[in-house]
Amino acid sequence: MGFLAEFYLPEHDADLADLARSARAAAMKVNRRGSAVTFVRAMYAAADESCFVVYEADSAAAVLAAGQAPGIAFDRGVQINSSEA
C-alpha cells in the first residue's frame, strides 16, 4: 500500500536531500524490526513550507514508526493510490 505523510518544514530548515537520506535510513531500520516499509520519495512545497514523504508500507503504523525514528513529526498520513500513466 502507498502512503503519503505530510509535515511542516520551515524553509530555512529545508534540506530535502538530507531529509530523504534520513527517511530512507529510518525506513530500513523499521524493516529490520519486522514492519514492511520502504521510502519512495520526498517532496517539498516551499510556498506552503510543507514536506511530503511517500512510502510503500504494510500499515500506517509502520509509516509512523519510520517518521519517529529520525524525529519527524508527521502532521498527517493518508493511504494513496498512484499511477505512472
Protein backbone atom coordinates (compact mmCIF):
# COMPACT_ATOMS: atom_id res chain seq x y z
CA MET A 1 0.00 0.00 0.00
CA GLY A 2 1.14 3.52 -0.66
CA PHE A 3 1.12 6.22 2.00
CA LEU A 4 1.69 9.98 1.87
CA ALA A 5 2.95 11.61 5.06
CA GLU A 6 2.88 15.39 5.46
CA PHE A 7 4.63 17.68 7.91
CA TYR A 8 5.62 21.30 8.36
CA LEU A 9 9.20 22.15 7.41
CA PRO A 10 10.26 25.80 7.63
CA GLU A 11 12.11 26.96 4.52
CA HIS A 12 15.27 27.73 6.47
CA ASP A 13 15.32 24.09 7.67
CA ALA A 14 14.58 22.60 4.25
CA ASP A 15 17.39 20.29 3.18
CA LEU A 16 15.44 17.82 1.07
CA ALA A 17 18.41 15.59 0.22
CA ASP A 18 19.28 15.21 3.91
CA LEU A 19 15.66 14.58 4.82
CA ALA A 20 15.38 11.91 2.12
CA ARG A 21 18.53 10.16 3.38
CA SER A 22 17.18 10.20 6.95
CA ALA A 23 13.75 8.95 5.87
CA ARG A 24 15.29 6.12 3.81
CA ALA A 25 17.58 5.06 6.68
CA ALA A 26 14.68 5.15 9.15
CA ALA A 27 12.52 3.00 6.86
CA MET A 28 15.33 0.44 6.64
CA LYS A 29 15.61 0.47 10.44
CA VAL A 30 11.86 -0.15 10.83
CA ASN A 31 12.15 -3.01 8.31
CA ARG A 32 14.81 -4.67 10.47
CA ARG A 33 12.32 -4.56 13.36
CA GLY A 34 9.81 -6.55 11.30
CA SER A 35 7.47 -3.99 9.69
CA ALA A 36 7.49 -3.64 5.92
CA VAL A 37 8.07 -0.01 4.97
CA THR A 38 10.00 1.42 2.02
CA PHE A 39 10.86 5.07 1.42
CA VAL A 40 9.84 6.11 -2.12
CA ARG A 41 10.45 9.86 -2.34
CA ALA A 42 10.34 13.18 -0.54
CA MET A 43 8.88 16.40 -1.95
CA TYR A 44 8.91 19.95 -0.62
CA ALA A 45 6.36 22.69 -1.35
CA ALA A 46 8.33 25.82 -0.44
CA ALA A 47 5.38 28.20 -0.80
CA ASP A 48 3.50 26.25 1.89
CA GLU A 49 6.54 25.12 3.90
CA SER A 50 5.11 21.62 3.62
CA CYS A 51 7.07 18.44 3.14
CA PHE A 52 5.58 15.22 1.79
CA VAL A 53 7.12 11.77 2.04
CA VAL A 54 5.82 8.81 0.04
CA TYR A 55 6.21 5.29 1.40
CA GLU A 56 5.18 1.80 0.45
CA ALA A 57 4.20 0.01 3.65
CA ASP A 58 2.05 -2.73 5.08
CA SER A 59 0.40 -0.36 7.56
CA ALA A 60 0.04 3.25 8.64
CA ALA A 61 1.71 2.29 11.92
CA ALA A 62 4.87 1.29 10.03
CA VAL A 63 4.91 4.69 8.31
CA LEU A 64 4.52 6.50 11.65
CA ALA A 65 7.39 4.45 13.08
CA ALA A 66 9.54 5.39 10.08
CA GLY A 67 8.85 9.05 10.79
CA GLN A 68 9.55 8.79 14.50
CA ALA A 69 12.96 7.17 14.03
CA PRO A 70 14.62 10.32 12.57
CA GLY A 71 12.46 12.62 14.70
CA ILE A 72 9.94 13.65 12.05
CA ALA A 73 6.54 14.52 13.49
CA PHE A 74 4.06 13.86 10.70
CA ASP A 75 1.04 16.18 10.76
CA ARG A 76 -0.96 13.57 8.91
CA GLY A 77 -0.63 10.47 6.82
CA VAL A 78 -3.04 9.01 4.33
CA GLN A 79 -3.21 5.94 2.16
CA ILE A 80 -2.77 6.78 -1.52
CA ASN A 81 -3.12 5.24 -4.95
CA SER A 82 -0.75 6.27 -7.72
CA SER A 83 -0.17 5.66 -11.39
CA GLU A 84 2.70 6.38 -13.75
CA ALA A 85 0.33 6.75 -16.72
